[in-house]
Amino acid sequence: MDIPALYAQLIHEIGDGTGMADSLLHVHAGMAVLLATRVITGRRLSTPVPLLVVALAEFGNELLDRLHYGSWRWGDTSLDIVNTMFWPTMLFVGLRVRNRLERKPAAME
């Protein structure tokens, strides 16, 4: 059984079935993994755990692509990583900053 080929076929079918571009699928996948991790683990989005799970899922995706295509396709790989990680990272950073700003006024009282 060729798992990378089966995975590539599944991803291709998802793209064909939804009609979405690959880049948009990466955005949605990153957010779906982030929110699923939040629900399953109960960890807040301001903790590194959900973001780390998104990064690990994207690494697994790119590794399976590498095994399927036989080489790294750096242009495609780098865009996939950016598209997958951008909004989860922005949420993480924004929530961390908000938490720090909310703590400062309380410390001044």
PDB file of N, CA and C in Angstrom:
ATOM      1  N   MET A   1       0.839  -1.178   0.000  1.00  0.00           N
ATOM      2  CA  MET A   1       0.000   0.000   0.000  1.00  0.00           C
ATOM      3  C   MET A   1       0.888   1.246   0.000  1.00  0.00           C
ATOM      4  N   ASP A   2       0.661   2.108  -0.960  1.00  0.00           N
ATOM      5  CA  ASP A   2       1.436   3.341  -1.107  1.00  0.00           C
ATOM      6  C   ASP A   2       0.687   4.489  -0.417  1.00  0.00           C
ATOM      7  N   ILE A   3       0.988   4.693   0.865  1.00  0.00           N
ATOM      8  CA  ILE A   3       0.272   5.689   1.662  1.00  0.00           C
ATOM      9  C   ILE A   3       0.434   7.107   1.097  1.00  0.00           C
ATOM     10  N   PRO A   4       1.650   7.532   0.708  1.00  0.00           N
ATOM     11  CA  PRO A   4       1.756   8.876   0.127  1.00  0.00           C
ATOM     12  C   PRO A   4       0.898   9.062  -1.131  1.00  0.00           C
ATOM     13  N   ALA A   5       0.798   8.030  -1.967  1.00  0.00           N
ATOM     14  CA  ALA A   5      -0.031   8.132  -3.180  1.00  0.00           C
ATOM     15  C   ALA A   5      -1.514   8.205  -2.819  1.00  0.00           C
ATOM     16  N   LEU A   6      -1.932   7.408  -1.847  1.00  0.00           N
ATOM     17  CA  LEU A   6      -3.328   7.458  -1.403  1.00  0.00           C
ATOM     18  C   LEU A   6      -3.663   8.827  -0.809  1.00  0.00           C
ATOM     19  N   TYR A   7      -2.743   9.359  -0.035  1.00  0.00           N
ATOM     20  CA  TYR A   7      -2.938  10.676   0.564  1.00  0.00           C
ATOM     21  C   TYR A   7      -3.033  11.750  -0.520  1.00  0.00           C
ATOM     22  N   ALA A   8      -2.135  11.691  -1.504  1.00  0.00           N
ATOM     23  CA  ALA A   8      -2.162  12.665  -2.601  1.00  0.00           C
ATOM     24  C   ALA A   8      -3.478  12.577  -3.368  1.00  0.00           C
ATOM     25  N   GLN A   9      -3.968  11.363  -3.571  1.00  0.00           N
ATOM     26  CA  GLN A   9      -5.245  11.174  -4.267  1.00  0.00           C
ATOM     27  C   GLN A   9      -6.391  11.776  -3.446  1.00  0.00           C
ATOM     28  N   LEU A  10      -6.384  11.541  -2.141  1.00  0.00           N
ATOM     29  CA  LEU A  10      -7.417  12.099  -1.263  1.00  0.00           C
ATOM     30  C   LEU A  10      -7.413  13.624  -1.316  1.00  0.00           C
ATOM     31  N   ILE A  11      -6.235  14.216  -1.230  1.00  0.00           N
ATOM     32  CA  ILE A  11      -6.112  15.675  -1.263  1.00  0.00           C
ATOM     33  C   ILE A  11      -6.601  16.215  -2.606  1.00  0.00           C
ATOM     34  N   HIS A  12      -6.246  15.525  -3.684  1.00  0.00           N
ATOM     35  CA  HIS A  12      -6.694  15.929  -5.021  1.00  0.00           C
ATOM     36  C   HIS A  12      -8.220  15.867  -5.116  1.00  0.00           C
ATOM     37  N   GLU A  13      -8.812  14.818  -4.568  1.00  0.00           N
ATOM     38  CA  GLU A  13     -10.271  14.672  -4.592  1.00  0.00           C
ATOM     39  C   GLU A  13     -10.961  15.743  -3.750  1.00  0.00           C
ATOM     40  N   ILE A  14     -10.364  16.110  -2.634  1.00  0.00           N
ATOM     41  CA  ILE A  14     -10.925  17.187  -1.812  1.00  0.00           C
ATOM     42  C   ILE A  14     -10.916  18.497  -2.599  1.00  0.00           C
ATOM     43  N   GLY A  15      -9.799  18.781  -3.260  1.00  0.00           N
ATOM     44  CA  GLY A  15      -9.710  19.990  -4.075  1.00  0.00           C
ATOM     45  C   GLY A  15     -10.721  19.995  -5.200  1.00  0.00           C
ATOM     46  N   ASP A  16     -10.843  18.863  -5.886  1.00  0.00           N
ATOM     47  CA  ASP A  16     -11.820  18.763  -6.980  1.00  0.00           C
ATOM     48  C   ASP A  16     -13.250  18.856  -6.455  1.00  0.00           C
ATOM     49  N   GLY A  17     -13.505  18.217  -5.325  1.00  0.00           N
ATOM     50  CA  GLY A  17     -14.857  18.192  -4.767  1.00  0.00           C
ATOM     51  C   GLY A  17     -15.327  19.533  -4.251  1.00  0.00           C
ATOM     52  N   THR A  18     -14.401  20.315  -3.718  1.00  0.00           N
ATOM     53  CA  THR A  18     -14.777  21.620  -3.173  1.00  0.00           C
ATOM     54  C   THR A  18     -14.661  22.733  -4.203  1.00  0.00           C
ATOM     55  N   GLY A  19     -13.832  22.520  -5.200  1.00  0.00           N
ATOM     56  CA  GLY A  19     -13.589  23.565  -6.186  1.00  0.00           C
ATOM     57  C   GLY A  19     -12.672  24.664  -5.682  1.00  0.00           C
ATOM     58  N   MET A  20     -12.103  24.469  -4.490  1.00  0.00           N
ATOM     59  CA  MET A  20     -11.213  25.477  -3.909  1.00  0.00           C
ATOM     60  C   MET A  20      -9.788  25.288  -4.403  1.00  0.00           C
ATOM     61  N   ALA A  21      -9.077  26.397  -4.478  1.00  0.00           N
ATOM     62  CA  ALA A  21      -7.662  26.354  -4.823  1.00  0.00           C
ATOM     63  C   ALA A  21      -6.886  25.714  -3.677  1.00  0.00           C
ATOM     64  N   ASP A  22      -5.750  25.138  -4.015  1.00  0.00           N
ATOM     65  CA  ASP A  22      -4.897  24.485  -3.021  1.00  0.00           C
ATOM     66  C   ASP A  22      -4.523  25.445  -1.896  1.00  0.00           C
ATOM     67  N   SER A  23      -4.218  26.685  -2.240  1.00  0.00           N
ATOM     68  CA  SER A  23      -3.820  27.655  -1.212  1.00  0.00           C
ATOM     69  C   SER A  23      -4.954  27.919  -0.217  1.00  0.00           C
ATOM     70  N   LEU A  24      -6.180  28.008  -0.715  1.00  0.00           N
ATOM     71  CA  LEU A  24      -7.318  28.229   0.178  1.00  0.00           C
ATOM     72  C   LEU A  24      -7.592  27.001   1.043  1.00  0.00           C
ATOM     73  N   LEU A  25      -7.381  25.823   0.487  1.00  0.00           N
ATOM     74  CA  LEU A  25      -7.543  24.598   1.280  1.00  0.00           C
ATOM     75  C   LEU A  25      -6.555  24.571   2.442  1.00  0.00           C
ATOM     76  N   HIS A  26      -5.343  25.067   2.214  1.00  0.00           N
ATOM     77  CA  HIS A  26      -4.354  25.118   3.294  1.00  0.00           C
ATOM     78  C   HIS A  26      -4.794  26.078   4.396  1.00  0.00           C
ATOM     79  N   VAL A  27      -5.368  27.212   4.017  1.00  0.00           N
ATOM     80  CA  VAL A  27      -5.866  28.164   5.016  1.00  0.00           C
ATOM     81  C   VAL A  27      -6.945  27.501   5.866  1.00  0.00           C
ATOM     82  N   HIS A  28      -7.902  26.864   5.203  1.00  0.00           N
ATOM     83  CA  HIS A  28      -8.997  26.203   5.934  1.00  0.00           C
ATOM     84  C   HIS A  28      -8.488  25.041   6.783  1.00  0.00           C
ATOM     85  N   ALA A  29      -7.556  24.266   6.248  1.00  0.00           N
ATOM     86  CA  ALA A  29      -7.023  23.125   7.000  1.00  0.00           C
ATOM     87  C   ALA A  29      -6.300  23.594   8.261  1.00  0.00           C
ATOM     88  N   GLY A  30      -5.516  24.649   8.144  1.00  0.00           N
ATOM     89  CA  GLY A  30      -4.814  25.176   9.313  1.00  0.00           C
ATOM     90  C   GLY A  30      -5.776  25.607  10.402  1.00  0.00           C
ATOM     91  N   MET A  31      -6.832  26.302  10.008  1.00  0.00           N
ATOM     92  CA  MET A  31      -7.822  26.753  10.990  1.00  0.00           C
ATOM     93  C   MET A  31      -8.614  25.582  11.566  1.00  0.00           C
ATOM     94  N   ALA A  32      -8.944  24.601  10.730  1.00  0.00           N
ATOM     95  CA  ALA A  32      -9.695  23.432  11.209  1.00  0.00           C
ATOM     96  C   ALA A  32      -8.879  22.639  12.224  1.00  0.00           C
ATOM     97  N   VAL A  33      -7.594  22.438  11.942  1.00  0.00           N
ATOM     98  CA  VAL A  33      -6.732  21.710  12.879  1.00  0.00           C
ATOM     99  C   VAL A  33      -6.589  22.504  14.171  1.00  0.00           C
ATOM    100  N   LEU A  34      -6.422  23.823  14.060  1.00  0.00           N
ATOM    101  CA  LEU A  34      -6.293  24.671  15.245  1.00  0.00           C
ATOM    102  C   LEU A  34      -7.525  24.558  16.140  1.00  0.00           C
ATOM    103  N   LEU A  35      -8.700  24.703  15.553  1.00  0.00           N
ATOM    104  CA  LEU A  35      -9.932  24.664  16.348  1.00  0.00           C
ATOM    105  C   LEU A  35     -10.223  23.267  16.881  1.00  0.00           C
ATOM    106  N   ALA A  36      -9.946  22.236  16.083  1.00  0.00           N
ATOM    107  CA  ALA A  36     -10.141  20.861  16.561  1.00  0.00           C
ATOM    108  C   ALA A  36      -9.224  20.579  17.746  1.00  0.00           C
ATOM    109  N   THR A  37      -7.994  21.058  17.671  1.00  0.00           N
ATOM    110  CA  THR A  37      -7.054  20.869  18.781  1.00  0.00           C
ATOM    111  C   THR A  37      -7.540  21.602  20.022  1.00  0.00           C
ATOM    112  N   ARG A  38      -8.071  22.798  19.837  1.00  0.00           N
ATOM    113  CA  ARG A  38      -8.617  23.571  20.967  1.00  0.00           C
ATOM    114  C   ARG A  38      -9.738  22.795  21.650  1.00  0.00           C
ATOM    115  N   VAL A  39     -10.642  22.229  20.855  1.00  0.00           N
ATOM    116  CA  VAL A  39     -11.785  21.495  21.410  1.00  0.00           C
ATOM    117  C   VAL A  39     -11.326  20.205  22.082  1.00  0.00           C
ATOM    118  N   ILE A  40     -10.450  19.459  21.421  1.00  0.00           N
ATOM    119  CA  ILE A  40     -10.024  18.146  21.931  1.00  0.00           C
ATOM    120  C   ILE A  40      -9.163  18.279  23.186  1.00  0.00           C
ATOM    121  N   THR A  41      -8.208  19.209  23.172  1.00  0.00           N
ATOM    122  CA  THR A  41      -7.282  19.324  24.307  1.00  0.00           C
ATOM    123  C   THR A  41      -7.791  20.251  25.397  1.00  0.00           C
ATOM    124  N   GLY A  42      -8.695  21.153  25.052  1.00  0.00           N
ATOM    125  CA  GLY A  42      -9.162  22.139  26.020  1.00  0.00           C
ATOM    126  C   GLY A  42      -8.170  23.269  26.246  1.00  0.00           C
ATOM    127  N   ARG A  43      -7.072  23.262  25.508  1.00  0.00           N
ATOM    128  CA  ARG A  43      -6.061  24.320  25.650  1.00  0.00           C
ATOM    129  C   ARG A  43      -6.530  25.591  24.958  1.00  0.00           C
ATOM    130  N   ARG A  44      -6.248  26.714  25.565  1.00  0.00           N
ATOM    131  CA  ARG A  44      -6.598  27.996  24.960  1.00  0.00           C
ATOM    132  C   ARG A  44      -5.747  28.228  23.709  1.00  0.00           C
ATOM    133  N   LEU A  45      -6.289  29.029  22.792  1.00  0.00           N
ATOM    134  CA  LEU A  45      -5.552  29.338  21.566  1.00  0.00           C
ATOM    135  C   LEU A  45      -4.334  30.207  21.840  1.00  0.00           C
ATOM    136  N   SER A  46      -4.258  30.795  23.018  1.00  0.00           N
ATOM    137  CA  SER A  46      -3.096  31.608  23.385  1.00  0.00           C
ATOM    138  C   SER A  46      -1.952  30.761  23.943  1.00  0.00           C
ATOM    139  N   THR A  47      -2.161  29.455  24.066  1.00  0.00           N
ATOM    140  CA  THR A  47      -1.075  28.560  24.478  1.00  0.00           C
ATOM    141  C   THR A  47      -0.429  27.979  23.226  1.00  0.00           C
ATOM    142  N   PRO A  48       0.818  27.559  23.306  1.00  0.00           N
ATOM    143  CA  PRO A  48       1.507  27.063  22.114  1.00  0.00           C
ATOM    144  C   PRO A  48       1.007  25.708  21.603  1.00  0.00           C
ATOM    145  N   VAL A  49       0.282  24.956  22.403  1.00  0.00           N
ATOM    146  CA  VAL A  49      -0.100  23.594  22.016  1.00  0.00           C
ATOM    147  C   VAL A  49      -0.913  23.545  20.723  1.00  0.00           C
ATOM    148  N   PRO A  50      -2.018  24.292  20.588  1.00  0.00           N
ATOM    149  CA  PRO A  50      -2.767  24.221  19.326  1.00  0.00           C
ATOM    150  C   PRO A  50      -1.932  24.634  18.111  1.00  0.00           C
ATOM    151  N   LEU A  51      -1.109  25.671  18.267  1.00  0.00           N
ATOM    152  CA  LEU A  51      -0.257  26.109  17.158  1.00  0.00           C
ATOM    153  C   LEU A  51       0.765  25.037  16.806  1.00  0.00           C
ATOM    154  N   LEU A  52       1.322  24.378  17.809  1.00  0.00           N
ATOM    155  CA  LEU A  52       2.282  23.307  17.561  1.00  0.00           C
ATOM    156  C   LEU A  52       1.634  22.144  16.817  1.00  0.00           C
ATOM    157  N   VAL A  53       0.406  21.814  17.157  1.00  0.00           N
ATOM    158  CA  VAL A  53      -0.298  20.727  16.462  1.00  0.00           C
ATOM    159  C   VAL A  53      -0.521  21.094  14.994  1.00  0.00           C
ATOM    160  N   VAL A  54      -0.863  22.352  14.722  1.00  0.00           N
ATOM    161  CA  VAL A  54      -1.012  22.795  13.328  1.00  0.00           C
ATOM    162  C   VAL A  54       0.321  22.640  12.595  1.00  0.00           C
ATOM    163  N   ALA A  55       1.410  23.052  13.229  1.00  0.00           N
ATOM    164  CA  ALA A  55       2.734  22.935  12.609  1.00  0.00           C
ATOM    165  C   ALA A  55       3.090  21.475  12.344  1.00  0.00           C
ATOM    166  N   LEU A  56       2.795  20.594  13.292  1.00  0.00           N
ATOM    167  CA  LEU A  56       3.080  19.167  13.097  1.00  0.00           C
ATOM    168  C   LEU A  56       2.223  18.572  11.987  1.00  0.00           C
ATOM    169  N   ALA A  57       0.956  18.975  11.913  1.00  0.00           N
ATOM    170  CA  ALA A  57       0.082  18.487  10.841  1.00  0.00           C
ATOM    171  C   ALA A  57       0.594  18.959   9.485  1.00  0.00           C
ATOM    172  N   GLU A  58       1.024  20.204   9.404  1.00  0.00           N
ATOM    173  CA  GLU A  58       1.557  20.726   8.139  1.00  0.00           C
ATOM    174  C   GLU A  58       2.862  20.033   7.777  1.00  0.00           C
ATOM    175  N   PHE A  59       3.706  19.764   8.771  1.00  0.00           N
ATOM    176  CA  PHE A  59       4.937  19.016   8.504  1.00  0.00           C
ATOM    177  C   PHE A  59       4.604  17.636   7.944  1.00  0.00           C
ATOM    178  N   GLY A  60       3.631  16.956   8.542  1.00  0.00           N
ATOM    179  CA  GLY A  60       3.215  15.643   8.041  1.00  0.00           C
ATOM    180  C   GLY A  60       2.686  15.719   6.625  1.00  0.00           C
ATOM    181  N   ASN A  61       1.904  16.754   6.340  1.00  0.00           N
ATOM    182  CA  ASN A  61       1.377  16.950   4.991  1.00  0.00           C
ATOM    183  C   ASN A  61       2.512  17.130   3.984  1.00  0.00           C
ATOM    184  N   GLU A  62       3.461  17.981   4.313  1.00  0.00           N
ATOM    185  CA  GLU A  62       4.574  18.239   3.389  1.00  0.00           C
ATOM    186  C   GLU A  62       5.490  17.032   3.259  1.00  0.00           C
ATOM    187  N   LEU A  63       5.654  16.279   4.331  1.00  0.00           N
ATOM    188  CA  LEU A  63       6.459  15.057   4.253  1.00  0.00           C
ATOM    189  C   LEU A  63       5.806  14.036   3.324  1.00  0.00           C
ATOM    190  N   LEU A  64       4.492  13.878   3.429  1.00  0.00           N
ATOM    191  CA  LEU A  64       3.786  12.963   2.525  1.00  0.00           C
ATOM    192  C   LEU A  64       3.867  13.449   1.080  1.00  0.00           C
ATOM    193  N   ASP A  65       3.793  14.762   0.863  1.00  0.00           N
ATOM    194  CA  ASP A  65       3.990  15.303  -0.489  1.00  0.00           C
ATOM    195  C   ASP A  65       5.386  14.971  -0.993  1.00  0.00           C
ATOM    196  N   ARG A  66       6.381  15.157  -0.142  1.00  0.00           N
ATOM    197  CA  ARG A  66       7.778  14.860  -0.515  1.00  0.00           C
ATOM    198  C   ARG A  66       7.932  13.397  -0.896  1.00  0.00           C
ATOM    199  N   LEU A  67       7.357  12.502  -0.111  1.00  0.00           N
ATOM    200  CA  LEU A  67       7.450  11.070  -0.404  1.00  0.00           C
ATOM    201  C   LEU A  67       6.708  10.721  -1.689  1.00  0.00           C
ATOM    202  N   HIS A  68       5.592  11.383  -1.935  1.00  0.00           N
ATOM    203  CA  HIS A  68       4.812  11.093  -3.140  1.00  0.00           C
ATOM    204  C   HIS A  68       5.507  11.604  -4.403  1.00  0.00           C
ATOM    205  N   TYR A  69       5.997  12.838  -4.367  1.00  0.00           N
ATOM    206  CA  TYR A  69       6.584  13.449  -5.568  1.00  0.00           C
ATOM    207  C   TYR A  69       8.060  13.117  -5.750  1.00  0.00           C
ATOM    208  N   GLY A  70       8.710  12.577  -4.734  1.00  0.00           N
ATOM    209  CA  GLY A  70      10.097  12.146  -4.874  1.00  0.00           C
ATOM    210  C   GLY A  70      11.131  13.217  -4.608  1.00  0.00           C
ATOM    211  N   SER A  71      10.708  14.442  -4.370  1.00  0.00           N
ATOM    212  CA  SER A  71      11.646  15.513  -4.035  1.00  0.00           C
ATOM    213  C   SER A  71      10.862  16.651  -3.388  1.00  0.00           C
ATOM    214  N   TRP A  72      11.603  17.519  -2.729  1.00  0.00           N
ATOM    215  CA  TRP A  72      10.968  18.707  -2.172  1.00  0.00           C
ATOM    216  C   TRP A  72      10.674  19.653  -3.317  1.00  0.00           C
ATOM    217  N   ARG A  73       9.507  20.226  -3.321  1.00  0.00           N
ATOM    218  CA  ARG A  73       9.130  21.260  -4.293  1.00  0.00           C
ATOM    219  C   ARG A  73       9.040  22.553  -3.493  1.00  0.00           C
ATOM    220  N   TRP A  74      10.208  23.202  -3.321  1.00  0.00           N
ATOM    221  CA  TRP A  74      10.341  24.262  -2.335  1.00  0.00           C
ATOM    222  C   TRP A  74       9.404  25.434  -2.553  1.00  0.00           C
ATOM    223  N   GLY A  75       9.154  25.799  -3.796  1.00  0.00           N
ATOM    224  CA  GLY A  75       8.213  26.894  -4.042  1.00  0.00           C
ATOM    225  C   GLY A  75       6.830  26.567  -3.518  1.00  0.00           C
ATOM    226  N   ASP A  76       6.357  25.387  -3.848  1.00  0.00           N
ATOM    227  CA  ASP A  76       5.041  24.929  -3.407  1.00  0.00           C
ATOM    228  C   ASP A  76       5.020  24.698  -1.895  1.00  0.00           C
ATOM    229  N   THR A  77       6.063  24.062  -1.390  1.00  0.00           N
ATOM    230  CA  THR A  77       6.136  23.742   0.036  1.00  0.00           C
ATOM    231  C   THR A  77       6.122  25.005   0.897  1.00  0.00           C
ATOM    232  N   SER A  78       6.916  25.999   0.519  1.00  0.00           N
ATOM    233  CA  SER A  78       6.980  27.220   1.334  1.00  0.00           C
ATOM    234  C   SER A  78       5.646  27.966   1.325  1.00  0.00           C
ATOM    235  N   LEU A  79       4.970  28.022   0.177  1.00  0.00           N
ATOM    236  CA  LEU A  79       3.656  28.668   0.132  1.00  0.00           C
ATOM    237  C   LEU A  79       2.623  27.892   0.940  1.00  0.00           C
ATOM    238  N   ASP A  80       2.692  26.564   0.891  1.00  0.00           N
ATOM    239  CA  ASP A  80       1.780  25.740   1.687  1.00  0.00           C
ATOM    240  C   ASP A  80       1.954  26.025   3.176  1.00  0.00           C
ATOM    241  N   ILE A  81       3.199  26.124   3.611  1.00  0.00           N
ATOM    242  CA  ILE A  81       3.476  26.381   5.028  1.00  0.00           C
ATOM    243  C   ILE A  81       2.939  27.755   5.438  1.00  0.00           C
ATOM    244  N   VAL A  82       3.199  28.765   4.624  1.00  0.00           N
ATOM    245  CA  VAL A  82       2.709  30.117   4.928  1.00  0.00           C
ATOM    246  C   VAL A  82       1.184  30.132   4.981  1.00  0.00           C
ATOM    247  N   ASN A  83       0.534  29.534   3.980  1.00  0.00           N
ATOM    248  CA  ASN A  83      -0.933  29.537   3.935  1.00  0.00           C
ATOM    249  C   ASN A  83      -1.545  28.789   5.111  1.00  0.00           C
ATOM    250  N   THR A  84      -0.919  27.701   5.528  1.00  0.00           N
ATOM    251  CA  THR A  84      -1.444  26.909   6.640  1.00  0.00           C
ATOM    252  C   THR A  84      -1.218  27.591   7.982  1.00  0.00           C
ATOM    253  N   MET A  85      -0.064  28.196   8.156  1.00  0.00           N
ATOM    254  CA  MET A  85       0.331  28.708   9.465  1.00  0.00           C
ATOM    255  C   MET A  85      -0.042  30.168   9.722  1.00  0.00           C
ATOM    256  N   PHE A  86      -0.358  30.941   8.685  1.00  0.00           N
ATOM    257  CA  PHE A  86      -0.528  32.387   8.859  1.00  0.00           C
ATOM    258  C   PHE A  86      -1.603  32.745   9.889  1.00  0.00           C
ATOM    259  N   TRP A  87      -2.851  32.354   9.672  1.00  0.00           N
ATOM    260  CA  TRP A  87      -3.928  32.766  10.582  1.00  0.00           C
ATOM    261  C   TRP A  87      -3.831  32.116  11.954  1.00  0.00           C
ATOM    262  N   PRO A  88      -3.474  30.842  12.054  1.00  0.00           N
ATOM    263  CA  PRO A  88      -3.263  30.305  13.407  1.00  0.00           C
ATOM    264  C   PRO A  88      -2.178  31.071  14.179  1.00  0.00           C
ATOM    265  N   THR A  89      -1.111  31.468  13.478  1.00  0.00           N
ATOM    266  CA  THR A  89      -0.042  32.225  14.126  1.00  0.00           C
ATOM    267  C   THR A  89      -0.520  33.615  14.522  1.00  0.00           C
ATOM    268  N   MET A  90      -1.285  34.271  13.647  1.00  0.00           N
ATOM    269  CA  MET A  90      -1.820  35.601  13.964  1.00  0.00           C
ATOM    270  C   MET A  90      -2.750  35.547  15.177  1.00  0.00           C
ATOM    271  N   LEU A  91      -3.596  34.521  15.247  1.00  0.00           N
ATOM    272  CA  LEU A  91      -4.466  34.363  16.415  1.00  0.00           C
ATOM    273  C   LEU A  91      -3.647  34.152  17.683  1.00  0.00           C
ATOM    274  N   PHE A  92      -2.654  33.285  17.614  1.00  0.00           N
ATOM    275  CA  PHE A  92      -1.798  33.003  18.762  1.00  0.00           C
ATOM    276  C   PHE A  92      -1.118  34.285  19.255  1.00  0.00           C
ATOM    277  N   VAL A  93      -0.484  35.008  18.341  1.00  0.00           N
ATOM    278  CA  VAL A  93       0.232  36.232  18.715  1.00  0.00           C
ATOM    279  C   VAL A  93      -0.742  37.280  19.255  1.00  0.00           C
ATOM    280  N   GLY A  94      -1.852  37.479  18.566  1.00  0.00           N
ATOM    281  CA  GLY A  94      -2.833  38.467  19.010  1.00  0.00           C
ATOM    282  C   GLY A  94      -3.379  38.166  20.390  1.00  0.00           C
ATOM    283  N   LEU A  95      -3.685  36.913  20.642  1.00  0.00           N
ATOM    284  CA  LEU A  95      -4.214  36.532  21.956  1.00  0.00           C
ATOM    285  C   LEU A  95      -3.153  36.647  23.046  1.00  0.00           C
ATOM    286  N   ARG A  96      -1.907  36.333  22.715  1.00  0.00           N
ATOM    287  CA  ARG A  96      -0.827  36.488  23.700  1.00  0.00           C
ATOM    288  C   ARG A  96      -0.636  37.958  24.066  1.00  0.00           C
ATOM    289  N   VAL A  97      -0.638  38.810  23.049  1.00  0.00           N
ATOM    290  CA  VAL A  97      -0.479  40.247  23.298  1.00  0.00           C
ATOM    291  C   VAL A  97      -1.648  40.764  24.129  1.00  0.00           C
ATOM    292  N   ARG A  98      -2.859  40.371  23.771  1.00  0.00           N
ATOM    293  CA  ARG A  98      -4.038  40.809  24.529  1.00  0.00           C
ATOM    294  C   ARG A  98      -3.938  40.370  25.989  1.00  0.00           C
ATOM    295  N   ASN A  99      -3.536  39.122  26.209  1.00  0.00           N
ATOM    296  CA  ASN A  99      -3.409  38.629  27.586  1.00  0.00           C
ATOM    297  C   ASN A  99      -2.402  39.447  28.384  1.00  0.00           C
ATOM    298  N   ARG A 100      -1.284  39.795  27.768  1.00  0.00           N
ATOM    299  CA  ARG A 100      -0.271  40.594  28.475  1.00  0.00           C
ATOM    300  C   ARG A 100      -0.775  42.002  28.769  1.00  0.00           C
ATOM    301  N   LEU A 101      -1.489  42.580  27.802  1.00  0.00           N
ATOM    302  CA  LEU A 101      -2.022  43.930  28.010  1.00  0.00           C
ATOM    303  C   LEU A 101      -3.094  43.945  29.088  1.00  0.00           C
ATOM    304  N   GLU A 102      -3.891  42.899  29.167  1.00  0.00           N
ATOM    305  CA  GLU A 102      -4.931  42.828  30.198  1.00  0.00           C
ATOM    306  C   GLU A 102      -4.337  42.632  31.583  1.00  0.00           C
ATOM    307  N   ARG A 103      -3.200  41.959  31.672  1.00  0.00           N
ATOM    308  CA  ARG A 103      -2.562  41.721  32.967  1.00  0.00           C
ATOM    309  C   ARG A 103      -1.886  42.973  33.509  1.00  0.00           C
ATOM    310  N   LYS A 104      -1.356  43.829  32.636  1.00  0.00           N
ATOM    311  CA  LYS A 104      -0.639  45.021  33.091  1.00  0.00           C
ATOM    312  C   LYS A 104      -1.514  45.962  33.913  1.00  0.00           C
ATOM    313  N   PRO A 105      -2.711  46.343  33.459  1.00  0.00           N
ATOM    314  CA  PRO A 105      -3.539  47.229  34.302  1.00  0.00           C
ATOM    315  C   PRO A 105      -3.879  46.602  35.651  1.00  0.00           C
ATOM    316  N   ALA A 106      -4.101  45.319  35.698  1.00  0.00           N
ATOM    317  CA  ALA A 106      -4.415  44.653  36.967  1.00  0.00           C
ATOM    318  C   ALA A 106      -3.221  44.719  37.912  1.00  0.00           C
ATOM    319  N   ALA A 107      -2.013  44.637  37.387  1.00  0.00           N
ATOM    320  CA  ALA A 107      -0.813  44.685  38.214  1.00  0.00           C
ATOM    321  C   ALA A 107      -0.572  46.089  38.761  1.00  0.00           C
ATOM    322  N   MET A 108      -1.063  47.112  38.050  1.00  0.00           N
ATOM    323  CA  MET A 108      -0.855  48.491  38.491  1.00  0.00           C
ATOM    324  C   MET A 108      -1.775  48.884  39.638  1.00  0.00           C
ATOM    325  N   GLU A 109      -2.867  48.190  39.816  1.00  0.00           N
ATOM    326  CA  GLU A 109      -3.840  48.548  40.865  1.00  0.00           C
ATOM    327  C   GLU A 109      -3.356  48.211  42.243  1.00  0.00           C
TER     328      GLU A 109
END
